[in-house]
Amino acid sequence: MITEQINEKGFLDVAIDPTLDLFEEIKKLKKEKKAIVLAHYYQEPDIQDVADYIGDSLGLAQKAAQTDAEIIVFAGVHFMAETAKILNPHKKVLLPDLRAGCSLSDSCPPPLFKAFKDKHPDHLVISYINCSAGIKALSDIICTSSNAQLIVESLPADQKIIFAPDKNLGGYINKQTGRNMVLWNGACMVHEIFSLEKITKLKSRYPQAKFIAHPECEEAVLAIADFIGSTTQLLKYSETNAADTFIVATEAGILHQMQKNAPHKTFIAAPPNNACACNDCPHMKLNTLEKLYLCMKYELPEILMDEELRIAAKIPIDRMLSLSKQLGLVG
């Protein structure tokens, strides 16, 4: 019955005793099952607070590669849990909700990308980690928003490059490095929906505020940013910069950690082009504390992968981790 519910809904739809202290129960399960909970900054606050490690894509990949836990519970989206499985074939990797996908990853189907790649046979492929195992297997090097620029700059200036799947991040790296990488036309729905007009008005209301943005945002939004960086870089900047107010253009989940690290400062979610007050990733927010508890209790849903695909996808990830270590990058 449980398996059928997973197949239909992507998560365990099992009744939970409402009197349970889920924080305490999850703590017990981690100890009993020798499990680690890895969470992305975009997860809901309760999940961030119960996680063993919170990070961006680079930090999470590094942690997944290093952990000695027997079970990895990934509170994030599908490609992140896939990455953990790629790096840990003999460990059980769990994802609270299998429907937690990624619009950016979905924008780059492997068969179409292979045809695109075949048109540029002399190009090396650098793929942003926000992609499927199928795309990773077609890549030469994986990158994250934390290390993309340094990885590109570590390659010979005349090296021809295809960058996938995020056109905004690729365009930003082209501008920063003076390269002319060929870009796949993909994008993140969360970072593309920010309203330049509303942000400009917000900046006028808070003239002393620093406007900080993730490089997945569109070029026009990045053009007015005081600082551009990965989620970890945005977090560090907001903590160390002297300003006391920040307008933040990335998924709103990061504001929880920003507020915890700098409780005396004010953080405002940059407004999108809709009626919502902030930008939430609908995929990230599919995971809940209840689903995390059930996932750990029943050790389902589990991420499974074809071994040939896993081996092919691991090669470019290993190259990224090795380059990141050489460049002294930590997520």
Protein backbone atom coordinates (compact mmCIF):
# COMPACT_ATOMS: atom_id res chain seq x y z
CA MET A 1 0.00 0.00 0.00
CA ILE A 2 2.80 2.39 0.89
CA THR A 3 4.59 1.71 -2.41
CA GLU A 4 1.37 2.36 -4.34
CA GLN A 5 0.93 5.69 -2.55
CA ILE A 6 4.46 6.70 -3.51
CA ASN A 7 3.83 5.78 -7.15
CA GLU A 8 0.64 7.85 -7.24
CA LYS A 9 1.70 10.89 -5.26
CA GLY A 10 5.49 10.94 -5.08
CA PHE A 11 5.51 10.82 -1.29
CA LEU A 12 4.26 8.74 1.64
CA ASP A 13 0.68 9.74 2.40
CA VAL A 14 0.48 8.12 5.82
CA ALA A 15 -1.34 9.48 8.86
CA ILE A 16 0.89 10.94 11.59
CA ASP A 17 0.03 11.08 15.27
CA PRO A 18 -0.62 14.83 15.80
CA THR A 19 0.88 14.66 19.30
CA LEU A 20 4.32 13.67 18.00
CA ASP A 21 7.19 16.11 18.39
CA LEU A 22 8.52 15.76 14.85
CA PHE A 23 11.79 17.54 15.66
CA GLU A 24 12.50 15.05 18.42
CA GLU A 25 11.35 12.06 16.34
CA ILE A 26 13.57 13.05 13.42
CA LYS A 27 16.49 13.48 15.83
CA LYS A 28 15.90 9.93 17.11
CA LEU A 29 15.61 8.48 13.61
CA LYS A 30 18.88 10.11 12.55
CA LYS A 31 20.66 8.37 15.41
CA GLU A 32 18.91 5.00 15.01
CA LYS A 33 19.43 4.80 11.25
CA LYS A 34 22.85 6.50 11.09
CA ALA A 35 21.28 9.01 8.76
CA ILE A 36 22.22 12.56 7.78
CA VAL A 37 19.75 15.22 6.66
CA LEU A 38 21.11 17.55 3.98
CA ALA A 39 18.98 20.59 3.22
CA HIS A 40 19.15 23.38 0.68
CA TYR A 41 18.80 27.01 1.77
CA TYR A 42 15.49 27.17 -0.12
CA GLN A 43 13.74 24.63 2.11
CA GLU A 44 11.09 25.71 4.62
CA PRO A 45 12.46 26.99 7.96
CA ASP A 46 11.46 23.88 9.97
CA ILE A 47 13.46 21.63 7.66
CA GLN A 48 16.46 23.97 7.76
CA ASP A 49 16.33 23.92 11.56
CA VAL A 50 16.31 20.11 11.78
CA ALA A 51 18.99 19.52 9.12
CA ASP A 52 22.53 18.39 9.90
CA TYR A 53 23.89 20.52 7.09
CA ILE A 54 22.42 23.43 5.14
CA GLY A 55 24.06 24.68 1.99
CA ASP A 56 24.01 25.58 -1.68
CA SER A 57 24.60 23.14 -4.51
CA LEU A 58 28.39 23.14 -4.18
CA GLY A 59 28.37 22.68 -0.41
CA LEU A 60 25.73 19.97 -0.59
CA ALA A 61 27.65 18.05 -3.27
CA GLN A 62 30.84 18.30 -1.21
CA LYS A 63 29.04 17.14 1.94
CA ALA A 64 27.38 14.25 0.09
CA ALA A 65 30.80 13.15 -1.18
CA GLN A 66 32.33 13.25 2.31
CA THR A 67 29.65 11.83 4.59
CA ASP A 68 30.06 8.49 6.34
CA ALA A 69 26.33 8.27 7.10
CA GLU A 70 24.55 5.10 5.97
CA ILE A 71 21.43 6.94 4.84
CA ILE A 72 21.36 10.35 3.13
CA VAL A 73 18.06 12.18 3.40
CA PHE A 74 18.05 15.00 0.88
CA ALA A 75 15.70 17.87 1.61
CA GLY A 76 15.93 19.59 -1.73
CA VAL A 77 14.89 18.76 -5.28
CA HIS A 78 15.34 15.66 -7.40
CA PHE A 79 18.59 16.56 -9.19
CA MET A 80 20.24 17.21 -5.80
CA ALA A 81 19.25 13.80 -4.45
CA GLU A 82 20.41 12.28 -7.75
CA THR A 83 23.81 13.92 -7.28
CA ALA A 84 24.07 12.41 -3.79
CA LYS A 85 23.25 8.97 -5.23
CA ILE A 86 25.78 9.40 -8.04
CA LEU A 87 28.46 10.02 -5.41
CA ASN A 88 27.21 7.31 -3.01
CA PRO A 89 26.09 4.25 -4.99
CA HIS A 90 26.15 1.92 -1.98
CA LYS A 91 24.21 4.22 0.34
CA LYS A 92 20.47 4.71 0.55
CA VAL A 93 19.46 8.18 -0.66
CA LEU A 94 15.97 9.40 0.20
CA LEU A 95 13.91 12.36 -1.04
CA PRO A 96 10.79 13.33 0.98
CA ASP A 97 8.73 14.07 -2.16
CA LEU A 98 9.66 12.59 -5.55
CA ARG A 99 7.68 15.34 -7.28
CA ALA A 100 10.20 17.94 -6.08
CA GLY A 101 11.64 18.62 -9.50
CA CYS A 102 13.27 21.69 -11.04
CA SER A 103 12.03 23.94 -13.85
CA LEU A 104 15.62 24.62 -14.93
CA SER A 105 16.47 20.93 -15.10
CA ASP A 106 13.22 20.24 -16.98
CA SER A 107 14.15 22.91 -19.57
CA CYS A 108 17.01 20.72 -20.83
CA PRO A 109 15.86 17.25 -21.97
CA PRO A 110 18.86 14.94 -22.61
CA PRO A 111 17.85 13.84 -26.17
CA LEU A 112 17.49 17.45 -27.33
CA PHE A 113 20.68 18.50 -25.60
CA LYS A 114 22.61 15.62 -27.20
CA ALA A 115 21.50 16.83 -30.65
CA PHE A 116 22.57 20.38 -29.67
CA LYS A 117 25.94 19.10 -28.44
CA ASP A 118 26.50 17.10 -31.65
CA LYS A 119 26.30 20.34 -33.63
CA HIS A 120 29.34 21.65 -31.71
CA PRO A 121 31.74 18.67 -31.70
CA ASP A 122 34.80 20.77 -30.83
CA HIS A 123 33.18 22.32 -27.73
CA LEU A 124 33.72 21.24 -24.14
CA VAL A 125 30.46 21.02 -22.16
CA ILE A 126 30.15 22.72 -18.77
CA SER A 127 26.80 22.06 -17.16
CA TYR A 128 25.33 23.79 -14.15
CA ILE A 129 24.62 21.22 -11.44
CA ASN A 130 20.90 22.08 -11.68
CA CYS A 131 20.37 19.41 -14.33
CA SER A 132 19.40 15.76 -14.59
CA ALA A 133 21.79 12.82 -14.40
CA GLY A 134 21.23 12.44 -18.16
CA ILE A 135 22.64 15.92 -18.82
CA LYS A 136 25.51 15.35 -16.39
CA ALA A 137 26.43 12.21 -18.34
CA LEU A 138 26.67 14.32 -21.52
CA SER A 139 28.92 16.90 -19.82
CA ASP A 140 32.66 17.30 -19.37
CA ILE A 141 32.58 19.38 -16.18
CA ILE A 142 29.81 20.25 -13.74
CA CYS A 143 29.74 23.64 -12.03
CA THR A 144 27.65 25.51 -9.48
CA SER A 145 26.91 29.21 -9.20
CA SER A 146 29.65 29.35 -6.53
CA ASN A 147 32.41 28.05 -8.78
CA ALA A 148 31.22 28.56 -12.38
CA GLN A 149 33.33 31.63 -13.11
CA LEU A 150 36.53 30.18 -11.64
CA ILE A 151 36.05 26.88 -13.45
CA VAL A 152 35.57 28.68 -16.78
CA GLU A 153 38.60 30.89 -16.10
CA SER A 154 40.71 27.81 -15.29
CA LEU A 155 40.35 26.62 -18.90
CA PRO A 156 42.48 27.89 -21.82
CA ALA A 157 41.18 31.15 -23.29
CA ASP A 158 40.73 29.55 -26.71
CA GLN A 159 38.76 26.57 -25.39
CA LYS A 160 35.32 26.50 -27.03
CA ILE A 161 32.57 25.87 -24.48
CA ILE A 162 28.89 24.95 -24.39
CA PHE A 163 27.25 26.12 -21.16
CA ALA A 164 23.99 24.49 -20.06
CA PRO A 165 21.26 24.66 -19.00
CA ASP A 166 20.91 28.19 -17.54
CA LYS A 167 21.22 30.97 -20.13
CA ASN A 168 21.19 33.70 -17.46
CA LEU A 169 24.04 32.23 -15.44
CA GLY A 170 25.92 31.46 -18.67
CA GLY A 171 25.39 35.01 -19.93
CA TYR A 172 26.62 36.43 -16.64
CA ILE A 173 29.76 34.26 -16.78
CA ASN A 174 30.36 35.33 -20.40
CA LYS A 175 30.19 38.96 -19.33
CA GLN A 176 32.49 38.43 -16.34
CA THR A 177 35.11 36.45 -18.23
CA GLY A 178 34.91 37.92 -21.74
CA ARG A 179 34.15 34.46 -23.12
CA ASN A 180 31.67 33.63 -25.83
CA MET A 181 30.29 30.35 -24.57
CA VAL A 182 27.45 28.80 -26.55
CA LEU A 183 24.40 28.86 -24.26
CA TRP A 184 21.54 26.40 -23.98
CA ASN A 185 18.24 28.29 -23.76
CA GLY A 186 17.13 27.20 -20.27
CA ALA A 187 16.09 29.16 -17.19
CA CYS A 188 14.78 28.90 -13.63
CA MET A 189 11.15 29.95 -13.25
CA VAL A 190 11.83 31.44 -9.81
CA HIS A 191 14.72 33.67 -10.86
CA GLU A 192 13.10 34.79 -14.12
CA ILE A 193 9.93 36.13 -12.52
CA PHE A 194 11.46 39.04 -10.58
CA SER A 195 9.95 42.40 -11.55
CA LEU A 196 12.53 45.02 -12.51
CA GLU A 197 9.90 47.76 -12.13
CA LYS A 198 8.87 46.66 -8.62
CA ILE A 199 12.48 46.22 -7.52
CA THR A 200 13.33 49.72 -8.77
CA LYS A 201 10.41 51.16 -6.76
CA LEU A 202 11.50 49.15 -3.71
CA LYS A 203 15.03 50.52 -4.02
CA SER A 204 13.57 54.05 -4.05
CA ARG A 205 11.66 53.31 -0.84
CA TYR A 206 14.81 51.94 0.81
CA PRO A 207 17.65 54.03 -0.68
CA GLN A 208 20.20 52.77 1.87
CA ALA A 209 19.39 49.11 1.19
CA LYS A 210 21.76 46.85 -0.71
CA PHE A 211 20.14 44.99 -3.60
CA ILE A 212 21.70 41.52 -3.90
CA ALA A 213 20.88 38.95 -6.59
CA HIS A 214 21.59 35.41 -7.71
CA PRO A 215 23.21 35.11 -11.18
CA GLU A 216 20.27 33.02 -12.41
CA CYS A 217 18.29 36.28 -12.53
CA GLU A 218 17.79 38.05 -15.85
CA GLU A 219 20.45 40.46 -17.09
CA ALA A 220 18.32 43.59 -16.50
CA VAL A 221 17.87 42.65 -12.84
CA LEU A 222 21.57 41.85 -12.40
CA ALA A 223 22.47 45.23 -13.95
CA ILE A 224 21.06 47.11 -10.94
CA ALA A 225 22.42 44.76 -8.25
CA ASP A 226 24.96 45.92 -5.67
CA PHE A 227 26.22 42.35 -5.32
CA ILE A 228 25.75 39.17 -7.37
CA GLY A 229 26.52 35.73 -5.99
CA SER A 230 25.46 32.18 -5.17
CA THR A 231 23.15 31.57 -2.21
CA THR A 232 26.13 31.01 0.09
CA GLN A 233 27.86 34.12 -1.23
CA LEU A 234 24.68 36.19 -0.78
CA LEU A 235 24.36 34.87 2.76
CA LYS A 236 27.95 35.78 3.65
CA TYR A 237 27.65 39.22 2.03
CA SER A 238 24.48 40.04 3.96
CA GLU A 239 26.15 39.05 7.22
CA THR A 240 29.44 40.91 6.72
CA ASN A 241 28.37 44.02 4.80
CA ALA A 242 27.83 47.16 6.91
CA ALA A 243 24.36 47.81 5.48
CA ASP A 244 21.40 47.05 7.72
CA THR A 245 18.79 46.47 5.00
CA PHE A 246 18.95 44.09 2.04
CA ILE A 247 16.61 43.47 -0.88
CA VAL A 248 17.19 39.84 -1.90
CA ALA A 249 16.57 38.49 -5.41
CA THR A 250 16.63 34.74 -5.03
CA GLU A 251 14.30 32.11 -3.59
CA ALA A 252 12.87 33.45 -0.32
CA GLY A 253 13.93 30.43 1.75
CA ILE A 254 17.39 31.96 2.15
CA LEU A 255 15.94 34.80 4.22
CA HIS A 256 15.53 32.41 7.17
CA GLN A 257 19.28 31.86 7.44
CA MET A 258 20.02 35.52 6.76
CA GLN A 259 17.78 36.56 9.63
CA LYS A 260 19.29 33.94 11.94
CA ASN A 261 22.84 35.05 11.12
CA ALA A 262 22.08 38.78 11.36
CA PRO A 263 18.97 39.21 13.53
CA HIS A 264 19.52 42.98 13.82
CA LYS A 265 19.25 43.47 10.05
CA THR A 266 16.23 43.74 7.75
CA PHE A 267 15.79 41.42 4.76
CA ILE A 268 13.20 42.04 2.06
CA ALA A 269 12.29 39.48 -0.60
CA ALA A 270 12.51 41.03 -4.06
CA PRO A 271 9.02 41.17 -5.63
CA PRO A 272 8.08 39.00 -8.60
CA ASN A 273 5.77 39.70 -11.53
CA ASN A 274 2.73 38.28 -9.77
CA ALA A 275 0.54 38.95 -6.75
CA CYS A 276 2.70 36.93 -4.34
CA ALA A 277 4.67 38.86 -1.74
CA CYS A 278 7.80 36.84 -2.37
CA ASN A 279 9.36 34.21 -4.59
CA ASP A 280 8.92 30.63 -3.45
CA CYS A 281 10.03 27.64 -5.53
CA PRO A 282 6.95 25.39 -5.73
CA HIS A 283 9.20 22.35 -6.13
CA MET A 284 11.40 23.08 -3.10
CA LYS A 285 8.36 23.74 -0.97
CA LEU A 286 6.83 20.32 -1.73
CA ASN A 287 9.04 18.94 1.03
CA THR A 288 7.59 19.39 4.51
CA LEU A 289 8.64 18.37 8.02
CA GLU A 290 5.90 15.71 8.02
CA LYS A 291 7.13 14.22 4.73
CA LEU A 292 10.71 14.30 6.03
CA TYR A 293 9.69 12.33 9.12
CA LEU A 294 7.78 9.70 7.11
CA CYS A 295 10.60 9.46 4.60
CA MET A 296 13.06 8.65 7.40
CA LYS A 297 10.71 6.31 9.25
CA TYR A 298 9.88 4.13 6.22
CA GLU A 299 13.09 4.83 4.24
CA LEU A 300 11.02 5.78 1.21
CA PRO A 301 10.89 7.24 -1.43
CA GLU A 302 14.36 6.08 -2.44
CA ILE A 303 16.46 7.40 -5.32
CA LEU A 304 17.50 4.56 -7.64
CA MET A 305 19.69 4.86 -10.71
CA ASP A 306 21.00 2.84 -13.61
CA GLU A 307 24.65 2.05 -12.89
CA GLU A 308 25.92 2.90 -16.37
CA LEU A 309 24.24 6.31 -16.18
CA ARG A 310 25.57 6.86 -12.66
CA ILE A 311 29.18 6.17 -13.69
CA ALA A 312 28.93 8.48 -16.71
CA ALA A 313 27.37 11.27 -14.62
CA LYS A 314 29.97 10.93 -11.87
CA ILE A 315 32.95 11.78 -14.10
CA PRO A 316 32.12 15.49 -14.60
CA ILE A 317 31.04 15.85 -10.94
CA ASP A 318 34.38 14.45 -9.79
CA ARG A 319 36.13 16.94 -12.08
CA MET A 320 34.18 19.78 -10.46
CA LEU A 321 34.98 18.59 -6.93
CA SER A 322 38.64 18.21 -7.82
CA LEU A 323 38.83 21.66 -9.43
CA SER A 324 36.97 23.20 -6.49
CA LYS A 325 39.48 21.69 -4.10
CA GLN A 326 42.40 22.96 -6.20
CA LEU A 327 40.82 26.43 -6.29
CA GLY A 328 40.14 26.40 -2.56
CA LEU A 329 36.37 26.66 -2.98
CA VAL A 330 34.04 25.55 -0.18
CA GLY A 331 30.26 25.80 -0.48
